[in-house]
């Protein structure tokens, strides 16, 4: 199954941030995003840091990437099917129980203390 994301509310991000957010949501690595957009990985990193800042996320971890994608979905910034959201969590090795993930006021929060980690975490 291919993950297909669509930017539906571009007002909160620059055009390039929107392109990168969509590619992030589709499961692309920073390296793949850089190759696809023909920009450096450092530029991708800078745009992702800006996206995280706009979403009020402070960490640069894999779980932050998942949280950023889920936050953008919750805020209506990007559109993904529920199957795609589940695949993103699986691809990023984030196994969450019901209490670890909550949506409040358009913000998705991951409670790291309640997160179950797989063998490779």
PDB file of N, CA and C in Angstrom:
ATOM      1  N   UNK A   1       0.842  -1.184   0.000  1.00  0.00           N
ATOM      2  CA  UNK A   1       0.000   0.000   0.000  1.00  0.00           C
ATOM      3  C   UNK A   1       0.884   1.243   0.000  1.00  0.00           C
ATOM      4  N   UNK A   2       0.572   2.165  -0.851  1.00  0.00           N
ATOM      5  CA  UNK A   2       1.298   3.421  -0.939  1.00  0.00           C
ATOM      6  C   UNK A   2       0.589   4.475  -0.112  1.00  0.00           C
ATOM      7  N   UNK A   3       1.380   5.238   0.635  1.00  0.00           N
ATOM      8  CA  UNK A   3       0.826   6.343   1.408  1.00  0.00           C
ATOM      9  C   UNK A   3       0.774   7.563   0.506  1.00  0.00           C
ATOM     10  N   UNK A   4      -0.390   8.173   0.402  1.00  0.00           N
ATOM     11  CA  UNK A   4      -0.555   9.378  -0.406  1.00  0.00           C
ATOM     12  C   UNK A   4      -1.093  10.478   0.495  1.00  0.00           C
ATOM     13  N   UNK A   5      -0.320  11.543   0.620  1.00  0.00           N
ATOM     14  CA  UNK A   5      -0.725  12.695   1.429  1.00  0.00           C
ATOM     15  C   UNK A   5      -1.079  13.849   0.509  1.00  0.00           C
ATOM     16  N   UNK A   6      -1.976  14.682   0.989  1.00  0.00           N
ATOM     17  CA  UNK A   6      -2.375  15.865   0.228  1.00  0.00           C
ATOM     18  C   UNK A   6      -2.369  17.067   1.158  1.00  0.00           C
ATOM     19  N   UNK A   7      -1.720  18.134   0.731  1.00  0.00           N
ATOM     20  CA  UNK A   7      -1.715  19.378   1.493  1.00  0.00           C
ATOM     21  C   UNK A   7      -3.054  20.066   1.263  1.00  0.00           C
ATOM     22  N   UNK A   8      -3.839  20.234   2.333  1.00  0.00           N
ATOM     23  CA  UNK A   8      -5.181  20.803   2.163  1.00  0.00           C
ATOM     24  C   UNK A   8      -5.324  22.191   2.785  1.00  0.00           C
ATOM     25  N   UNK A   9      -4.377  22.592   3.611  1.00  0.00           N
ATOM     26  CA  UNK A   9      -4.415  23.928   4.219  1.00  0.00           C
ATOM     27  C   UNK A   9      -3.005  24.497   4.224  1.00  0.00           C
ATOM     28  N   UNK A  10      -2.573  25.070   3.094  1.00  0.00           N
ATOM     29  CA  UNK A  10      -1.189  25.523   2.975  1.00  0.00           C
ATOM     30  C   UNK A  10      -0.889  26.847   3.678  1.00  0.00           C
ATOM     31  N   UNK A  11      -1.880  27.483   4.262  1.00  0.00           N
ATOM     32  CA  UNK A  11      -1.701  28.818   4.842  1.00  0.00           C
ATOM     33  C   UNK A  11      -0.694  28.855   5.986  1.00  0.00           C
ATOM     34  N   UNK A  12      -0.545  27.760   6.714  1.00  0.00           N
ATOM     35  CA  UNK A  12       0.315  27.765   7.891  1.00  0.00           C
ATOM     36  C   UNK A  12       1.772  27.443   7.577  1.00  0.00           C
ATOM     37  N   UNK A  13       2.051  26.995   6.351  1.00  0.00           N
ATOM     38  CA  UNK A  13       3.402  26.613   5.951  1.00  0.00           C
ATOM     39  C   UNK A  13       3.792  27.337   4.670  1.00  0.00           C
ATOM     40  N   UNK A  14       5.108  27.520   4.477  1.00  0.00           N
ATOM     41  CA  UNK A  14       5.561  28.038   3.197  1.00  0.00           C
ATOM     42  C   UNK A  14       5.339  26.968   2.131  1.00  0.00           C
ATOM     43  N   UNK A  15       5.466  27.343   0.872  1.00  0.00           N
ATOM     44  CA  UNK A  15       5.276  26.369  -0.198  1.00  0.00           C
ATOM     45  C   UNK A  15       6.241  25.195  -0.050  1.00  0.00           C
ATOM     46  N   UNK A  16       7.513  25.484   0.216  1.00  0.00           N
ATOM     47  CA  UNK A  16       8.514  24.417   0.348  1.00  0.00           C
ATOM     48  C   UNK A  16       8.246  23.568   1.579  1.00  0.00           C
ATOM     49  N   UNK A  17       7.867  24.197   2.700  1.00  0.00           N
ATOM     50  CA  UNK A  17       7.518  23.426   3.903  1.00  0.00           C
ATOM     51  C   UNK A  17       6.341  22.508   3.627  1.00  0.00           C
ATOM     52  N   UNK A  18       5.377  22.987   2.857  1.00  0.00           N
ATOM     53  CA  UNK A  18       4.227  22.152   2.493  1.00  0.00           C
ATOM     54  C   UNK A  18       4.643  20.944   1.673  1.00  0.00           C
ATOM     55  N   UNK A  19       5.561  21.159   0.732  1.00  0.00           N
ATOM     56  CA  UNK A  19       6.062  20.041  -0.076  1.00  0.00           C
ATOM     57  C   UNK A  19       6.780  19.022   0.809  1.00  0.00           C
ATOM     58  N   UNK A  20       7.595  19.525   1.712  1.00  0.00           N
ATOM     59  CA  UNK A  20       8.353  18.638   2.596  1.00  0.00           C
ATOM     60  C   UNK A  20       7.424  17.933   3.575  1.00  0.00           C
ATOM     61  N   UNK A  21       6.438  18.638   4.121  1.00  0.00           N
ATOM     62  CA  UNK A  21       5.482  18.023   5.048  1.00  0.00           C
ATOM     63  C   UNK A  21       4.720  16.894   4.359  1.00  0.00           C
ATOM     64  N   UNK A  22       4.339  17.112   3.122  1.00  0.00           N
ATOM     65  CA  UNK A  22       3.620  16.083   2.369  1.00  0.00           C
ATOM     66  C   UNK A  22       4.509  14.865   2.151  1.00  0.00           C
ATOM     67  N   UNK A  23       5.755  15.090   1.776  1.00  0.00           N
ATOM     68  CA  UNK A  23       6.683  13.975   1.567  1.00  0.00           C
ATOM     69  C   UNK A  23       6.986  13.253   2.882  1.00  0.00           C
ATOM     70  N   UNK A  24       7.095  14.006   3.985  1.00  0.00           N
ATOM     71  CA  UNK A  24       7.266  13.379   5.301  1.00  0.00           C
ATOM     72  C   UNK A  24       6.087  12.462   5.597  1.00  0.00           C
ATOM     73  N   UNK A  25       4.884  12.975   5.350  1.00  0.00           N
ATOM     74  CA  UNK A  25       3.667  12.208   5.626  1.00  0.00           C
ATOM     75  C   UNK A  25       3.580  10.963   4.757  1.00  0.00           C
ATOM     76  N   UNK A  26       4.194  11.009   3.590  1.00  0.00           N
ATOM     77  CA  UNK A  26       4.197   9.845   2.699  1.00  0.00           C
ATOM     78  C   UNK A  26       5.286   8.851   3.059  1.00  0.00           C
ATOM     79  N   UNK A  27       6.050   9.157   4.123  1.00  0.00           N
ATOM     80  CA  UNK A  27       7.037   8.216   4.634  1.00  0.00           C
ATOM     81  C   UNK A  27       8.433   8.384   4.085  1.00  0.00           C
ATOM     82  N   UNK A  28       8.700   9.475   3.387  1.00  0.00           N
ATOM     83  CA  UNK A  28      10.032   9.701   2.822  1.00  0.00           C
ATOM     84  C   UNK A  28      11.029  10.109   3.903  1.00  0.00           C
ATOM     85  N   UNK A  29      12.232   9.601   3.797  1.00  0.00           N
ATOM     86  CA  UNK A  29      13.313  10.017   4.690  1.00  0.00           C
ATOM     87  C   UNK A  29      13.798  11.402   4.270  1.00  0.00           C
ATOM     88  N   UNK A  30      14.578  12.029   5.130  1.00  0.00           N
ATOM     89  CA  UNK A  30      15.136  13.340   4.791  1.00  0.00           C
ATOM     90  C   UNK A  30      16.001  13.242   3.537  1.00  0.00           C
ATOM     91  N   UNK A  31      16.767  12.167   3.427  1.00  0.00           N
ATOM     92  CA  UNK A  31      17.631  11.961   2.263  1.00  0.00           C
ATOM     93  C   UNK A  31      16.798  11.828   0.986  1.00  0.00           C
ATOM     94  N   UNK A  32      15.706  11.064   1.066  1.00  0.00           N
ATOM     95  CA  UNK A  32      14.832  10.896  -0.099  1.00  0.00           C
ATOM     96  C   UNK A  32      14.157  12.217  -0.479  1.00  0.00           C
ATOM     97  N   UNK A  33      13.754  12.985   0.523  1.00  0.00           N
ATOM     98  CA  UNK A  33      13.143  14.295   0.260  1.00  0.00           C
ATOM     99  C   UNK A  33      14.149  15.200  -0.447  1.00  0.00           C
ATOM    100  N   UNK A  34      15.385  15.211   0.039  1.00  0.00           N
ATOM    101  CA  UNK A  34      16.428  16.042  -0.565  1.00  0.00           C
ATOM    102  C   UNK A  34      16.656  15.653  -2.024  1.00  0.00           C
ATOM    103  N   UNK A  35      16.728  14.360  -2.284  1.00  0.00           N
ATOM    104  CA  UNK A  35      16.920  13.899  -3.667  1.00  0.00           C
ATOM    105  C   UNK A  35      15.744  14.279  -4.547  1.00  0.00           C
ATOM    106  N   UNK A  36      14.531  14.063  -4.054  1.00  0.00           N
ATOM    107  CA  UNK A  36      13.324  14.335  -4.841  1.00  0.00           C
ATOM    108  C   UNK A  36      13.206  15.818  -5.179  1.00  0.00           C
ATOM    109  N   UNK A  37      13.506  16.680  -4.211  1.00  0.00           N
ATOM    110  CA  UNK A  37      13.371  18.129  -4.415  1.00  0.00           C
ATOM    111  C   UNK A  37      14.669  18.776  -4.919  1.00  0.00           C
ATOM    112  N   UNK A  38      15.690  17.983  -5.103  1.00  0.00           N
ATOM    113  CA  UNK A  38      17.022  18.443  -5.519  1.00  0.00           C
ATOM    114  C   UNK A  38      17.530  19.611  -4.659  1.00  0.00           C
ATOM    115  N   UNK A  39      17.501  19.375  -3.350  1.00  0.00           N
ATOM    116  CA  UNK A  39      18.045  20.315  -2.374  1.00  0.00           C
ATOM    117  C   UNK A  39      18.934  19.524  -1.423  1.00  0.00           C
ATOM    118  N   UNK A  40      19.702  20.207  -0.602  1.00  0.00           N
ATOM    119  CA  UNK A  40      20.592  19.506   0.322  1.00  0.00           C
ATOM    120  C   UNK A  40      19.813  18.955   1.518  1.00  0.00           C
ATOM    121  N   UNK A  41      20.408  17.969   2.157  1.00  0.00           N
ATOM    122  CA  UNK A  41      19.796  17.403   3.367  1.00  0.00           C
ATOM    123  C   UNK A  41      19.740  18.468   4.463  1.00  0.00           C
ATOM    124  N   UNK A  42      20.747  19.330   4.523  1.00  0.00           N
ATOM    125  CA  UNK A  42      20.741  20.415   5.519  1.00  0.00           C
ATOM    126  C   UNK A  42      19.546  21.345   5.302  1.00  0.00           C
ATOM    127  N   UNK A  43      19.210  21.603   4.047  1.00  0.00           N
ATOM    128  CA  UNK A  43      18.051  22.451   3.749  1.00  0.00           C
ATOM    129  C   UNK A  43      16.771  21.750   4.183  1.00  0.00           C
ATOM    130  N   UNK A  44      16.685  20.444   3.917  1.00  0.00           N
ATOM    131  CA  UNK A  44      15.522  19.668   4.369  1.00  0.00           C
ATOM    132  C   UNK A  44      15.425  19.737   5.890  1.00  0.00           C
ATOM    133  N   UNK A  45      16.548  19.513   6.565  1.00  0.00           N
ATOM    134  CA  UNK A  45      16.568  19.575   8.036  1.00  0.00           C
ATOM    135  C   UNK A  45      16.083  20.932   8.547  1.00  0.00           C
ATOM    136  N   UNK A  46      16.510  22.004   7.889  1.00  0.00           N
ATOM    137  CA  UNK A  46      16.099  23.351   8.305  1.00  0.00           C
ATOM    138  C   UNK A  46      14.599  23.543   8.120  1.00  0.00           C
ATOM    139  N   UNK A  47      14.053  23.063   7.004  1.00  0.00           N
ATOM    140  CA  UNK A  47      12.612  23.188   6.772  1.00  0.00           C
ATOM    141  C   UNK A  47      11.824  22.343   7.776  1.00  0.00           C
ATOM    142  N   UNK A  48      12.310  21.158   8.077  1.00  0.00           N
ATOM    143  CA  UNK A  48      11.621  20.305   9.058  1.00  0.00           C
ATOM    144  C   UNK A  48      11.671  20.954  10.432  1.00  0.00           C
ATOM    145  N   UNK A  49      12.802  21.536  10.794  1.00  0.00           N
ATOM    146  CA  UNK A  49      12.895  22.251  12.075  1.00  0.00           C
ATOM    147  C   UNK A  49      11.889  23.393  12.127  1.00  0.00           C
ATOM    148  N   UNK A  50      11.707  24.085  11.012  1.00  0.00           N
ATOM    149  CA  UNK A  50      10.733  25.176  10.944  1.00  0.00           C
ATOM    150  C   UNK A  50       9.302  24.642  11.087  1.00  0.00           C
ATOM    151  N   UNK A  51       9.038  23.509  10.442  1.00  0.00           N
ATOM    152  CA  UNK A  51       7.711  22.872  10.565  1.00  0.00           C
ATOM    153  C   UNK A  51       7.460  22.505  12.023  1.00  0.00           C
ATOM    154  N   UNK A  52       8.440  21.861  12.667  1.00  0.00           N
ATOM    155  CA  UNK A  52       8.307  21.482  14.075  1.00  0.00           C
ATOM    156  C   UNK A  52       8.040  22.707  14.940  1.00  0.00           C
ATOM    157  N   UNK A  53       8.745  23.797  14.668  1.00  0.00           N
ATOM    158  CA  UNK A  53       8.558  25.021  15.449  1.00  0.00           C
ATOM    159  C   UNK A  53       7.139  25.553  15.278  1.00  0.00           C
ATOM    160  N   UNK A  54       6.639  25.556  14.058  1.00  0.00           N
ATOM    161  CA  UNK A  54       5.277  26.038  13.804  1.00  0.00           C
ATOM    162  C   UNK A  54       4.229  25.144  14.460  1.00  0.00           C
ATOM    163  N   UNK A  55       4.571  23.861  14.657  1.00  0.00           N
ATOM    164  CA  UNK A  55       3.661  22.927  15.321  1.00  0.00           C
ATOM    165  C   UNK A  55       3.906  22.889  16.829  1.00  0.00           C
ATOM    166  N   UNK A  56       4.863  23.694  17.318  1.00  0.00           N
ATOM    167  CA  UNK A  56       5.228  23.755  18.733  1.00  0.00           C
ATOM    168  C   UNK A  56       5.772  22.420  19.234  1.00  0.00           C
ATOM    169  N   UNK A  57       6.592  21.770  18.399  1.00  0.00           N
ATOM    170  CA  UNK A  57       7.261  20.524  18.769  1.00  0.00           C
ATOM    171  C   UNK A  57       8.739  20.829  18.931  1.00  0.00           C
ATOM    172  N   UNK A  58       9.337  20.315  19.986  1.00  0.00           N
ATOM    173  CA  UNK A  58      10.699  20.710  20.298  1.00  0.00           C
ATOM    174  C   UNK A  58      11.771  19.678  19.962  1.00  0.00           C
ATOM    175  N   UNK A  59      11.454  18.434  19.917  1.00  0.00           N
ATOM    176  CA  UNK A  59      12.438  17.378  19.715  1.00  0.00           C
ATOM    177  C   UNK A  59      12.640  17.094  18.233  1.00  0.00           C
ATOM    178  N   UNK A  60      13.704  16.392  17.905  1.00  0.00           N
ATOM    179  CA  UNK A  60      13.984  16.004  16.525  1.00  0.00           C
ATOM    180  C   UNK A  60      13.979  14.480  16.386  1.00  0.00           C
ATOM    181  N   UNK A  61      13.255  13.776  17.238  1.00  0.00           N
ATOM    182  CA  UNK A  61      13.269  12.314  17.220  1.00  0.00           C
ATOM    183  C   UNK A  61      12.277  11.751  16.210  1.00  0.00           C
ATOM    184  N   UNK A  62      12.354  10.436  16.008  1.00  0.00           N
ATOM    185  CA  UNK A  62      11.408   9.753  15.121  1.00  0.00           C
ATOM    186  C   UNK A  62       9.990   9.949  15.629  1.00  0.00           C
ATOM    187  N   UNK A  63       9.811   9.868  16.949  1.00  0.00           N
ATOM    188  CA  UNK A  63       8.475  10.042  17.502  1.00  0.00           C
ATOM    189  C   UNK A  63       7.965  11.456  17.264  1.00  0.00           C
ATOM    190  N   UNK A  64       8.863  12.437  17.242  1.00  0.00           N
ATOM    191  CA  UNK A  64       8.460  13.806  16.937  1.00  0.00           C
ATOM    192  C   UNK A  64       7.972  13.889  15.496  1.00  0.00           C
ATOM    193  N   UNK A  65       8.626  13.177  14.596  1.00  0.00           N
ATOM    194  CA  UNK A  65       8.209  13.155  13.193  1.00  0.00           C
ATOM    195  C   UNK A  65       6.791  12.587  13.083  1.00  0.00           C
ATOM    196  N   UNK A  66       6.541  11.495  13.759  1.00  0.00           N
ATOM    197  CA  UNK A  66       5.184  10.920  13.776  1.00  0.00           C
ATOM    198  C   UNK A  66       4.194  11.905  14.374  1.00  0.00           C
ATOM    199  N   UNK A  67       4.557  12.521  15.488  1.00  0.00           N
ATOM    200  CA  UNK A  67       3.680  13.483  16.144  1.00  0.00           C
ATOM    201  C   UNK A  67       3.402  14.669  15.226  1.00  0.00           C
ATOM    202  N   UNK A  68       4.426  15.127  14.506  1.00  0.00           N
ATOM    203  CA  UNK A  68       4.241  16.248  13.578  1.00  0.00           C
ATOM    204  C   UNK A  68       3.237  15.885  12.486  1.00  0.00           C
ATOM    205  N   UNK A  69       3.378  14.696  11.922  1.00  0.00           N
ATOM    206  CA  UNK A  69       2.460  14.256  10.863  1.00  0.00           C
ATOM    207  C   UNK A  69       1.046  14.152  11.408  1.00  0.00           C
ATOM    208  N   UNK A  70       0.901  13.527  12.574  1.00  0.00           N
ATOM    209  CA  UNK A  70      -0.429  13.379  13.170  1.00  0.00           C
ATOM    210  C   UNK A  70      -1.023  14.733  13.561  1.00  0.00           C
ATOM    211  N   UNK A  71      -0.184  15.661  14.018  1.00  0.00           N
ATOM    212  CA  UNK A  71      -0.655  17.006  14.360  1.00  0.00           C
ATOM    213  C   UNK A  71      -1.155  17.726  13.119  1.00  0.00           C
ATOM    214  N   UNK A  72      -0.423  17.597  12.008  1.00  0.00           N
ATOM    215  CA  UNK A  72      -0.859  18.244  10.772  1.00  0.00           C
ATOM    216  C   UNK A  72      -2.180  17.659  10.284  1.00  0.00           C
ATOM    217  N   UNK A  73      -2.369  16.359  10.471  1.00  0.00           N
ATOM    218  CA  UNK A  73      -3.649  15.736  10.119  1.00  0.00           C
ATOM    219  C   UNK A  73      -4.747  16.269  11.029  1.00  0.00           C
ATOM    220  N   UNK A  74      -4.478  16.313  12.342  1.00  0.00           N
ATOM    221  CA  UNK A  74      -5.484  16.773  13.310  1.00  0.00           C
ATOM    222  C   UNK A  74      -5.875  18.231  13.089  1.00  0.00           C
ATOM    223  N   UNK A  75      -4.936  19.051  12.647  1.00  0.00           N
ATOM    224  CA  UNK A  75      -5.203  20.473  12.402  1.00  0.00           C
ATOM    225  C   UNK A  75      -5.775  20.731  11.012  1.00  0.00           C
ATOM    226  N   UNK A  76      -5.940  19.693  10.225  1.00  0.00           N
ATOM    227  CA  UNK A  76      -6.502  19.867   8.890  1.00  0.00           C
ATOM    228  C   UNK A  76      -5.518  20.457   7.895  1.00  0.00           C
ATOM    229  N   UNK A  77      -4.238  20.313   8.154  1.00  0.00           N
ATOM    230  CA  UNK A  77      -3.226  20.844   7.253  1.00  0.00           C
ATOM    231  C   UNK A  77      -2.934  19.884   6.103  1.00  0.00           C
ATOM    232  N   UNK A  78      -2.924  18.584   6.408  1.00  0.00           N
ATOM    233  CA  UNK A  78      -2.736  17.570   5.378  1.00  0.00           C
ATOM    234  C   UNK A  78      -3.817  16.518   5.528  1.00  0.00           C
ATOM    235  N   UNK A  79      -4.055  15.808   4.466  1.00  0.00           N
ATOM    236  CA  UNK A  79      -5.069  14.766   4.454  1.00  0.00           C
ATOM    237  C   UNK A  79      -4.408  13.420   4.238  1.00  0.00           C
ATOM    238  N   UNK A  80      -4.736  12.468   5.098  1.00  0.00           N
ATOM    239  CA  UNK A  80      -4.259  11.094   4.995  1.00  0.00           C
ATOM    240  C   UNK A  80      -5.398  10.161   5.358  1.00  0.00           C
ATOM    241  N   UNK A  81      -5.406   8.984   4.755  1.00  0.00           N
ATOM    242  CA  UNK A  81      -6.377   7.980   5.183  1.00  0.00           C
ATOM    243  C   UNK A  81      -5.939   7.431   6.537  1.00  0.00           C
ATOM    244  N   UNK A  82      -6.858   6.860   7.272  1.00  0.00           N
ATOM    245  CA  UNK A  82      -6.525   6.286   8.576  1.00  0.00           C
ATOM    246  C   UNK A  82      -5.529   5.146   8.415  1.00  0.00           C
ATOM    247  N   UNK A  83      -5.631   4.388   7.314  1.00  0.00           N
ATOM    248  CA  UNK A  83      -4.664   3.322   7.054  1.00  0.00           C
ATOM    249  C   UNK A  83      -3.265   3.903   6.887  1.00  0.00           C
ATOM    250  N   UNK A  84      -3.177   5.052   6.239  1.00  0.00           N
ATOM    251  CA  UNK A  84      -1.883   5.704   6.056  1.00  0.00           C
ATOM    252  C   UNK A  84      -1.304   6.160   7.384  1.00  0.00           C
ATOM    253  N   UNK A  85      -2.146   6.685   8.267  1.00  0.00           N
ATOM    254  CA  UNK A  85      -1.678   7.115   9.586  1.00  0.00           C
ATOM    255  C   UNK A  85      -1.108   5.921  10.339  1.00  0.00           C
ATOM    256  N   UNK A  86      -1.797   4.801  10.286  1.00  0.00           N
ATOM    257  CA  UNK A  86      -1.316   3.593  10.962  1.00  0.00           C
ATOM    258  C   UNK A  86       0.016   3.151  10.354  1.00  0.00           C
ATOM    259  N   UNK A  87       0.110   3.192   9.037  1.00  0.00           N
ATOM    260  CA  UNK A  87       1.356   2.795   8.387  1.00  0.00           C
ATOM    261  C   UNK A  87       2.513   3.700   8.796  1.00  0.00           C
ATOM    262  N   UNK A  88       2.265   4.986   8.935  1.00  0.00           N
ATOM    263  CA  UNK A  88       3.318   5.918   9.355  1.00  0.00           C
ATOM    264  C   UNK A  88       3.827   5.526  10.738  1.00  0.00           C
ATOM    265  N   UNK A  89       2.921   5.217  11.638  1.00  0.00           N
ATOM    266  CA  UNK A  89       3.326   4.804  12.976  1.00  0.00           C
ATOM    267  C   UNK A  89       4.158   3.531  12.927  1.00  0.00           C
ATOM    268  N   UNK A  90       3.737   2.574  12.096  1.00  0.00           N
ATOM    269  CA  UNK A  90       4.471   1.310  11.981  1.00  0.00           C
ATOM    270  C   UNK A  90       5.834   1.546  11.350  1.00  0.00           C
ATOM    271  N   UNK A  91       5.891   2.308  10.247  1.00  0.00           N
ATOM    272  CA  UNK A  91       7.162   2.574   9.573  1.00  0.00           C
ATOM    273  C   UNK A  91       8.155   3.250  10.495  1.00  0.00           C
ATOM    274  N   UNK A  92       7.695   4.056  11.403  1.00  0.00           N
ATOM    275  CA  UNK A  92       8.582   4.786  12.297  1.00  0.00           C
ATOM    276  C   UNK A  92       8.771   4.071  13.631  1.00  0.00           C
ATOM    277  N   UNK A  93       8.332   2.830  13.698  1.00  0.00           N
ATOM    278  CA  UNK A  93       8.534   1.979  14.873  1.00  0.00           C
ATOM    279  C   UNK A  93       7.974   2.584  16.149  1.00  0.00           C
ATOM    280  N   UNK A  94       6.885   3.321  16.050  1.00  0.00           N
ATOM    281  CA  UNK A  94       6.242   3.879  17.234  1.00  0.00           C
ATOM    282  C   UNK A  94       4.999   3.050  17.529  1.00  0.00           C
ATOM    283  N   UNK A  95       5.068   2.248  18.555  1.00  0.00           N
ATOM    284  CA  UNK A  95       3.916   1.461  18.954  1.00  0.00           C
ATOM    285  C   UNK A  95       3.285   2.159  20.152  1.00  0.00           C
ATOM    286  N   UNK A  96       2.080   2.651  19.971  1.00  0.00           N
ATOM    287  CA  UNK A  96       1.439   3.451  21.007  1.00  0.00           C
ATOM    288  C   UNK A  96       0.209   2.739  21.536  1.00  0.00           C
ATOM    289  N   UNK A  97       0.007   2.782  22.848  1.00  0.00           N
ATOM    290  CA  UNK A  97      -1.265   2.297  23.375  1.00  0.00           C
ATOM    291  C   UNK A  97      -2.251   3.464  23.381  1.00  0.00           C
ATOM    292  N   UNK A  98      -3.509   3.198  23.701  1.00  0.00           N
ATOM    293  CA  UNK A  98      -4.543   4.228  23.628  1.00  0.00           C
ATOM    294  C   UNK A  98      -4.231   5.450  24.481  1.00  0.00           C
ATOM    295  N   UNK A  99      -3.618   5.249  25.633  1.00  0.00           N
ATOM    296  CA  UNK A  99      -3.343   6.361  26.532  1.00  0.00           C
ATOM    297  C   UNK A  99      -2.108   7.159  26.120  1.00  0.00           C
ATOM    298  N   UNK A 100      -1.303   6.636  25.191  1.00  0.00           N
ATOM    299  CA  UNK A 100      -0.080   7.331  24.792  1.00  0.00           C
ATOM    300  C   UNK A 100      -0.352   8.433  23.782  1.00  0.00           C
ATOM    301  N   UNK A 101      -1.455   8.355  23.088  1.00  0.00           N
ATOM    302  CA  UNK A 101      -1.747   9.306  22.024  1.00  0.00           C
ATOM    303  C   UNK A 101      -3.069   9.993  22.319  1.00  0.00           C
ATOM    304  N   UNK A 102      -3.058  11.321  22.327  1.00  0.00           N
ATOM    305  CA  UNK A 102      -4.313  12.030  22.533  1.00  0.00           C
ATOM    306  C   UNK A 102      -4.331  13.284  21.676  1.00  0.00           C
ATOM    307  N   UNK A 103      -5.519  13.662  21.269  1.00  0.00           N
ATOM    308  CA  UNK A 103      -5.700  14.860  20.461  1.00  0.00           C
ATOM    309  C   UNK A 103      -6.479  15.856  21.306  1.00  0.00           C
ATOM    310  N   UNK A 104      -5.946  17.059  21.418  1.00  0.00           N
ATOM    311  CA  UNK A 104      -6.628  18.096  22.195  1.00  0.00           C
ATOM    312  C   UNK A 104      -6.395  19.426  21.498  1.00  0.00           C
ATOM    313  N   UNK A 105      -7.455  20.086  21.108  1.00  0.00           N
ATOM    314  CA  UNK A 105      -7.350  21.384  20.472  1.00  0.00           C
ATOM    315  C   UNK A 105      -6.525  21.388  19.199  1.00  0.00           C
ATOM    316  N   UNK A 106      -6.652  20.332  18.403  1.00  0.00           N
ATOM    317  CA  UNK A 106      -5.912  20.261  17.158  1.00  0.00           C
ATOM    318  C   UNK A 106      -4.450  19.900  17.325  1.00  0.00           C
ATOM    319  N   UNK A 107      -4.040  19.522  18.521  1.00  0.00           N
ATOM    320  CA  UNK A 107      -2.647  19.147  18.781  1.00  0.00           C
ATOM    321  C   UNK A 107      -2.614  17.686  19.211  1.00  0.00           C
ATOM    322  N   UNK A 108      -1.764  16.905  18.565  1.00  0.00           N
ATOM    323  CA  UNK A 108      -1.588  15.512  18.951  1.00  0.00           C
ATOM    324  C   UNK A 108      -0.434  15.442  19.929  1.00  0.00           C
ATOM    325  N   UNK A 109      -0.647  14.778  21.030  1.00  0.00           N
ATOM    326  CA  UNK A 109       0.394  14.625  22.037  1.00  0.00           C
ATOM    327  C   UNK A 109       0.722  13.149  22.210  1.00  0.00           C
ATOM    328  N   UNK A 110       1.998  12.850  22.272  1.00  0.00           N
ATOM    329  CA  UNK A 110       2.448  11.497  22.545  1.00  0.00           C
ATOM    330  C   UNK A 110       3.043  11.484  23.932  1.00  0.00           C
ATOM    331  N   UNK A 111       2.527  10.617  24.786  1.00  0.00           N
ATOM    332  CA  UNK A 111       3.035  10.466  26.142  1.00  0.00           C
ATOM    333  C   UNK A 111       4.112   9.386  26.107  1.00  0.00           C
ATOM    334  N   UNK A 112       5.374   9.815  26.109  1.00  0.00           N
ATOM    335  CA  UNK A 112       6.494   8.887  25.964  1.00  0.00           C
ATOM    336  C   UNK A 112       6.546   7.870  27.106  1.00  0.00           C
ATOM    337  N   UNK A 113       6.072   8.242  28.270  1.00  0.00           N
ATOM    338  CA  UNK A 113       6.088   7.319  29.403  1.00  0.00           C
ATOM    339  C   UNK A 113       5.147   6.145  29.177  1.00  0.00           C
ATOM    340  N   UNK A 114       4.145   6.312  28.325  1.00  0.00           N
ATOM    341  CA  UNK A 114       3.184   5.252  28.071  1.00  0.00           C
ATOM    342  C   UNK A 114       3.463   4.525  26.759  1.00  0.00           C
ATOM    343  N   UNK A 115       4.566   4.859  26.122  1.00  0.00           N
ATOM    344  CA  UNK A 115       4.873   4.268  24.831  1.00  0.00           C
ATOM    345  C   UNK A 115       5.493   2.884  25.021  1.00  0.00           C
ATOM    346  N   UNK A 116       5.035   1.933  24.236  1.00  0.00           N
ATOM    347  CA  UNK A 116       5.635   0.597  24.214  1.00  0.00           C
ATOM    348  C   UNK A 116       6.657   0.587  23.097  1.00  0.00           C
ATOM    349  N   UNK A 117       7.821   0.080  23.369  1.00  0.00           N
ATOM    350  CA  UNK A 117       8.868   0.056  22.358  1.00  0.00           C
ATOM    351  C   UNK A 117       9.074  -1.375  21.863  1.00  0.00           C
ATOM    352  N   UNK A 118       9.361  -1.494  20.579  1.00  0.00           N
ATOM    353  CA  UNK A 118       9.663  -2.799  19.995  1.00  0.00           C
ATOM    354  C   UNK A 118      11.091  -3.198  20.313  1.00  0.00           C
ATOM    355  N   UNK A 119      11.493  -4.366  19.860  1.00  0.00           N
ATOM    356  CA  UNK A 119      12.831  -4.882  20.137  1.00  0.00           C
ATOM    357  C   UNK A 119      13.935  -4.000  19.560  1.00  0.00           C
ATOM    358  N   UNK A 120      13.661  -3.333  18.439  1.00  0.00           N
ATOM    359  CA  UNK A 120      14.686  -2.533  17.789  1.00  0.00           C
ATOM    360  C   UNK A 120      14.688  -1.078  18.256  1.00  0.00           C
ATOM    361  N   UNK A 121      13.883  -0.730  19.242  1.00  0.00           N
ATOM    362  CA  UNK A 121      13.816   0.671  19.709  1.00  0.00           C
ATOM    363  C   UNK A 121      14.953   0.993  20.633  1.00  0.00           C
TER     364      UNK A 121
END
